Amino acid sequence: MDYELVQNDGVFTLKNQNTTVGFVRFNELGEVEYIFVNPIFRKQGLATKLLELVKEKTGKEIILQEPISPLGSKLLKSLYKWK
């Protein structure tokens, strides 16, 4: 599926024709303040893609800021496999 990547200051947003698919808000230290993927589009690697974009942009290791939701904890566990 094709997504449009919109880049604003500290935010990457993935969109398709109809909706926002997901986004990540981060700072220059590589700290992820918020990440969201629309439930319809989950389990397609989009959160990982967004985090890869953050890592490329900042040149830093990803740090997820507290508090981490249960879904965020699952994502964090999958990141250990990604490293």
Protein backbone atom coordinates (compact mmCIF):
# COMPACT_ATOMS: atom_id res chain seq x y z
CA MET A 1 0.00 0.00 0.00
CA ASP A 2 1.25 3.50 -0.81
CA TYR A 3 1.50 6.11 1.90
CA GLU A 4 2.38 9.78 1.76
CA LEU A 5 5.01 10.86 4.28
CA VAL A 6 4.44 14.34 5.67
CA GLN A 7 7.30 15.86 7.65
CA ASN A 8 6.83 18.74 10.04
CA ASP A 9 9.08 19.94 12.82
CA GLY A 10 9.50 16.88 15.04
CA VAL A 11 6.60 14.92 13.52
CA PHE A 12 6.41 12.32 10.77
CA THR A 13 2.91 11.48 9.55
CA LEU A 14 1.93 8.64 7.20
CA LYS A 15 -1.28 9.24 5.24
CA ASN A 16 -3.21 7.54 2.51
CA GLN A 17 -5.96 9.07 0.35
CA ASN A 18 -8.55 8.80 3.09
CA THR A 19 -6.96 9.09 6.52
CA THR A 20 -3.94 9.47 8.73
CA VAL A 21 -2.42 6.01 8.99
CA GLY A 22 0.07 6.81 11.74
CA PHE A 23 2.41 9.39 13.17
CA VAL A 24 5.33 9.83 15.52
CA ARG A 25 6.33 12.92 17.51
CA PHE A 26 9.96 13.13 18.58
CA ASN A 27 12.71 15.52 19.63
CA GLU A 28 16.27 16.03 18.37
CA LEU A 29 17.63 13.62 21.02
CA GLY A 30 15.74 10.71 19.44
CA GLU A 31 13.18 10.64 22.26
CA VAL A 32 9.79 9.51 21.01
CA GLU A 33 7.13 11.53 22.77
CA TYR A 34 4.18 9.86 21.06
CA ILE A 35 3.63 7.22 18.41
CA PHE A 36 0.30 6.12 16.98
CA VAL A 37 -0.81 3.75 14.23
CA ASN A 38 -4.48 3.60 13.26
CA PRO A 39 -5.83 0.22 14.48
CA ILE A 40 -6.95 -0.69 10.95
CA PHE A 41 -3.33 -0.47 9.76
CA ARG A 42 -1.53 -2.17 12.65
CA LYS A 43 0.61 -5.31 12.24
CA GLN A 44 2.08 -4.01 8.97
CA GLY A 45 5.40 -2.72 10.32
CA LEU A 46 4.35 0.93 10.19
CA ALA A 47 5.41 1.77 13.76
CA THR A 48 8.82 0.28 13.01
CA LYS A 49 9.00 2.31 9.79
CA LEU A 50 8.17 5.52 11.68
CA LEU A 51 10.84 4.75 14.28
CA GLU A 52 13.39 4.04 11.56
CA LEU A 53 12.63 7.47 10.10
CA VAL A 54 13.22 9.07 13.51
CA LYS A 55 16.52 7.24 13.87
CA GLU A 56 17.64 8.34 10.38
CA LYS A 57 16.61 11.95 11.01
CA THR A 58 18.20 12.31 14.47
CA GLY A 59 21.12 9.91 14.12
CA LYS A 60 20.33 8.75 17.67
CA GLU A 61 19.10 5.55 19.30
CA ILE A 62 15.37 5.56 19.91
CA ILE A 63 14.18 6.30 23.44
CA LEU A 64 10.48 5.93 24.25
CA GLN A 65 9.42 8.48 26.86
CA GLU A 66 7.35 7.45 29.86
CA PRO A 67 4.56 6.62 30.41
CA ILE A 68 4.50 3.64 28.09
CA SER A 69 1.10 2.13 27.35
CA PRO A 70 0.57 -1.65 27.14
CA LEU A 71 0.74 -1.41 23.34
CA GLY A 72 3.86 0.72 23.67
CA SER A 73 5.43 -1.98 25.82
CA LYS A 74 4.74 -4.55 23.10
CA LEU A 75 6.34 -2.23 20.56
CA LEU A 76 9.35 -1.75 22.81
CA LYS A 77 9.82 -5.52 23.09
CA SER A 78 9.69 -5.84 19.31
CA LEU A 79 12.33 -3.10 19.03
CA TYR A 80 14.82 -5.26 20.92
CA LYS A 81 14.51 -7.74 18.06
CA TRP A 82 14.94 -4.86 15.58
CA LYS A 83 18.29 -3.64 17.01
